[in-house]
């Protein structure tokens, strides 16, 4: 290779390197998806029509969706519930870190938690849901966690293993997710899904 040819290749290489360095990093964005008639899932950060529904909000872009992993001051020691969580996670085939994340988000590990809407216990089961799951006492940690994990298993099966949709349904209701064909456009539900998935990654 001649000196002239070598110099030209070096110049070309340096030019390409400069161009690469000048290209801005890809911007973060919300992710959308839709499932076509063949069952194929399509994902995009730039939806082209109304078939695409919000799948996941960009947590880093949206400050309101950012989460802190700290437990509230009234929280009980999570370790005391570890044997119960592990047992029912194995029984129903649900990732134990997901169960812990739901408990963290729902009650902050307070087995006596009761929401203004009447949801009870560690996994915040509504009375009607608890009744359907044959939960004898929602304030009993073992009964509550068994019912909550069983319900998560049902939702995961319903949405073919899609954790985001299962969590959206856990928060907003199965009918609401079905109505919108994805995560509902509710700030509370979108924040909840992002929060639980963030916690799950920490517990892993």
Protein backbone atom coordinates (compact mmCIF):
# COMPACT_ATOMS: atom_id res chain seq x y z
CA UNK A 1 0.00 0.00 0.00
CA UNK A 2 1.46 3.38 -1.01
CA UNK A 3 1.89 6.27 1.34
CA UNK A 4 -0.73 8.29 -0.53
CA UNK A 5 -3.32 5.51 -0.29
CA UNK A 6 -2.56 5.01 3.40
CA UNK A 7 -3.01 8.73 4.06
CA UNK A 8 -6.36 8.78 2.25
CA UNK A 9 -7.63 5.82 4.31
CA UNK A 10 -6.48 7.51 7.52
CA UNK A 11 -8.28 10.72 6.57
CA UNK A 12 -11.45 8.77 5.74
CA UNK A 13 -11.25 6.92 9.07
CA UNK A 14 -10.81 10.14 11.04
CA UNK A 15 -13.72 11.73 9.19
CA UNK A 16 -16.02 8.82 10.01
CA UNK A 17 -14.92 8.88 13.64
CA UNK A 18 -15.69 12.60 13.87
CA UNK A 19 -19.11 12.02 12.36
CA UNK A 20 -19.87 9.23 14.82
CA UNK A 21 -18.86 11.41 17.74
CA UNK A 22 -21.08 14.22 16.52
CA UNK A 23 -24.19 12.02 16.32
CA UNK A 24 -26.33 12.72 19.41
CA UNK A 25 -27.23 9.81 21.70
CA UNK A 26 -30.68 8.43 20.97
CA UNK A 27 -33.38 10.22 22.92
CA UNK A 28 -35.36 8.24 25.42
CA UNK A 29 -39.06 7.91 24.65
CA UNK A 30 -42.29 6.25 25.68
CA UNK A 31 -42.77 2.79 24.20
CA UNK A 32 -46.01 1.83 22.44
CA UNK A 33 -47.28 -1.53 21.25
CA UNK A 34 -50.16 -3.31 19.58
CA UNK A 35 -50.99 -6.94 18.83
CA UNK A 36 -52.18 -7.71 15.31
CA UNK A 37 -54.73 -10.32 14.26
CA UNK A 38 -51.98 -12.96 13.98
CA UNK A 39 -50.95 -12.39 17.59
CA UNK A 40 -47.72 -10.66 16.58
CA UNK A 41 -46.64 -7.88 18.94
CA UNK A 42 -45.40 -4.61 17.44
CA UNK A 43 -43.38 -2.08 19.48
CA UNK A 44 -42.41 1.47 18.59
CA UNK A 45 -41.41 4.78 20.14
CA UNK A 46 -43.20 6.66 17.35
CA UNK A 47 -46.76 5.34 16.94
CA UNK A 48 -48.23 5.76 13.48
CA UNK A 49 -51.89 5.20 14.33
CA UNK A 50 -54.33 4.62 17.17
CA UNK A 51 -53.75 0.89 17.29
CA UNK A 52 -50.62 1.56 19.31
CA UNK A 53 -51.19 1.89 23.04
CA UNK A 54 -48.75 3.03 25.70
CA UNK A 55 -46.74 0.01 26.85
CA UNK A 56 -44.23 1.73 29.11
CA UNK A 57 -43.62 5.34 30.02
CA UNK A 58 -40.07 6.63 29.96
CA UNK A 59 -39.33 6.72 33.67
CA UNK A 60 -36.11 8.70 33.32
CA UNK A 61 -37.79 11.35 31.18
CA UNK A 62 -40.88 11.71 33.34
CA UNK A 63 -39.89 12.86 36.81
CA UNK A 64 -43.33 12.05 38.17
CA UNK A 65 -42.69 8.35 37.47
CA UNK A 66 -39.34 8.18 39.23
CA UNK A 67 -39.37 5.99 42.30
CA UNK A 68 -37.51 5.71 45.57
CA UNK A 69 -36.75 2.25 46.92
CA UNK A 70 -37.00 3.25 50.57
CA UNK A 71 -39.64 1.59 52.71
CA UNK A 72 -41.91 3.81 54.83
CA UNK A 73 -41.20 4.23 58.52
CA UNK A 74 -44.13 2.04 59.57
CA UNK A 75 -42.92 -0.93 57.50
CA UNK A 76 -42.41 -4.27 59.17
CA UNK A 77 -39.21 -6.21 58.58
CA UNK A 78 -39.60 -7.70 55.07
CA UNK A 79 -37.46 -10.69 56.11
CA UNK A 80 -40.23 -11.99 58.35
CA UNK A 81 -42.44 -12.54 55.30
CA UNK A 82 -39.71 -14.13 53.18
CA UNK A 83 -40.71 -17.78 53.92
CA UNK A 84 -44.36 -17.08 53.04
CA UNK A 85 -43.47 -15.25 49.84
CA UNK A 86 -41.03 -17.95 48.75
CA UNK A 87 -43.54 -20.72 49.44
CA UNK A 88 -46.41 -19.23 47.47
CA UNK A 89 -44.15 -17.95 44.70
CA UNK A 90 -43.05 -21.53 44.10
CA UNK A 91 -46.59 -22.88 44.40
CA UNK A 92 -48.00 -20.53 41.77
CA UNK A 93 -44.87 -20.07 39.65
CA UNK A 94 -44.58 -16.30 40.15
CA UNK A 95 -41.21 -14.55 40.44
CA UNK A 96 -40.70 -13.85 44.15
CA UNK A 97 -39.07 -10.50 43.35
CA UNK A 98 -42.26 -9.44 41.57
CA UNK A 99 -44.34 -10.42 44.61
CA UNK A 100 -42.04 -8.44 46.90
CA UNK A 101 -42.26 -5.45 44.58
CA UNK A 102 -46.07 -5.54 44.63
CA UNK A 103 -46.10 -5.75 48.44
CA UNK A 104 -43.59 -2.88 48.62
CA UNK A 105 -45.73 -0.70 46.36
CA UNK A 106 -49.11 -1.70 47.76
CA UNK A 107 -48.62 -1.63 51.52
CA UNK A 108 -44.97 -0.89 52.30
CA UNK A 109 -44.90 -4.23 54.17
CA UNK A 110 -47.67 -3.21 56.55
CA UNK A 111 -49.92 -6.28 57.06
CA UNK A 112 -52.60 -4.15 58.67
CA UNK A 113 -52.82 -1.60 55.85
CA UNK A 114 -56.34 -0.63 54.76
CA UNK A 115 -56.80 1.79 51.88
CA UNK A 116 -59.54 4.46 51.66
CA UNK A 117 -61.23 2.22 49.06
CA UNK A 118 -61.18 -0.78 51.39
CA UNK A 119 -58.24 -2.77 50.03
CA UNK A 120 -56.61 -4.74 52.81
CA UNK A 121 -53.35 -6.28 53.91
CA UNK A 122 -49.90 -6.66 52.45
CA UNK A 123 -51.07 -7.08 48.85
CA UNK A 124 -54.08 -4.78 49.26
CA UNK A 125 -56.85 -7.15 48.23
CA UNK A 126 -60.30 -5.68 47.74
CA UNK A 127 -62.97 -7.57 49.70
CA UNK A 128 -64.67 -8.82 46.52
CA UNK A 129 -61.35 -10.01 45.09
CA UNK A 130 -60.42 -11.68 48.37
CA UNK A 131 -63.77 -13.45 48.46
CA UNK A 132 -63.30 -14.76 44.93
CA UNK A 133 -59.83 -16.00 45.85
CA UNK A 134 -61.20 -17.66 49.01
CA UNK A 135 -59.03 -15.57 51.30
CA UNK A 136 -60.26 -16.17 54.83
CA UNK A 137 -58.59 -13.15 56.44
CA UNK A 138 -56.97 -10.41 54.35
CA UNK A 139 -55.13 -9.08 57.39
CA UNK A 140 -53.46 -12.43 57.95
CA UNK A 141 -50.12 -12.27 56.08
CA UNK A 142 -50.21 -15.88 54.92
CA UNK A 143 -53.81 -15.71 53.67
CA UNK A 144 -53.23 -12.34 52.04
CA UNK A 145 -50.02 -13.25 50.24
CA UNK A 146 -51.41 -16.54 49.02
CA UNK A 147 -54.44 -14.75 47.57
CA UNK A 148 -52.36 -11.98 46.05
CA UNK A 149 -49.87 -14.33 44.41
CA UNK A 150 -52.68 -16.51 43.10
CA UNK A 151 -54.31 -13.42 41.60
CA UNK A 152 -51.01 -12.34 40.01
CA UNK A 153 -50.71 -15.81 38.46
CA UNK A 154 -54.19 -15.45 36.99
CA UNK A 155 -53.40 -12.03 35.54
CA UNK A 156 -50.07 -13.19 34.10
CA UNK A 157 -51.82 -16.12 32.43
CA UNK A 158 -54.54 -13.83 31.11
CA UNK A 159 -51.97 -11.51 29.50
CA UNK A 160 -49.66 -14.29 28.27
CA UNK A 161 -46.92 -13.47 30.74
CA UNK A 162 -46.90 -9.72 30.08
CA UNK A 163 -45.94 -8.33 33.50
CA UNK A 164 -46.76 -4.72 32.63
CA UNK A 165 -50.33 -5.54 31.64
CA UNK A 166 -50.77 -7.88 34.61
CA UNK A 167 -49.66 -5.12 36.96
CA UNK A 168 -51.90 -2.58 35.24
CA UNK A 169 -54.83 -4.94 35.77
CA UNK A 170 -53.82 -5.49 39.41
CA UNK A 171 -54.04 -1.74 39.90
CA UNK A 172 -56.88 -0.62 37.64
CA UNK A 173 -58.85 -3.81 37.10
CA UNK A 174 -58.96 -6.42 34.38
CA UNK A 175 -61.91 -4.78 32.63
CA UNK A 176 -60.15 -1.43 32.41
CA UNK A 177 -57.06 -2.92 30.75
CA UNK A 178 -59.29 -4.85 28.34
CA UNK A 179 -61.22 -1.67 27.55
CA UNK A 180 -58.10 0.24 26.52
CA UNK A 181 -56.31 -2.71 24.99
CA UNK A 182 -53.23 -2.01 27.12
CA UNK A 183 -52.07 0.05 30.06
CA UNK A 184 -54.86 2.58 30.71
CA UNK A 185 -54.06 6.27 30.17
CA UNK A 186 -54.29 6.91 33.90
CA UNK A 187 -51.35 8.57 35.65
CA UNK A 188 -51.90 6.44 38.76
CA UNK A 189 -51.76 3.16 36.85
CA UNK A 190 -48.82 4.18 34.67
CA UNK A 191 -46.90 5.28 37.76
CA UNK A 192 -47.83 2.06 39.56
CA UNK A 193 -46.54 -0.19 36.76
CA UNK A 194 -43.28 1.74 36.49
CA UNK A 195 -42.85 1.71 40.27
CA UNK A 196 -43.41 -2.02 40.70
CA UNK A 197 -41.09 -2.94 37.83
CA UNK A 198 -38.44 -0.64 39.30
CA UNK A 199 -38.81 -2.25 42.72
CA UNK A 200 -38.71 -5.72 41.16
CA UNK A 201 -35.34 -4.96 39.59
CA UNK A 202 -34.03 -3.86 43.00
CA UNK A 203 -35.27 -7.02 44.69
CA UNK A 204 -33.60 -9.12 42.03
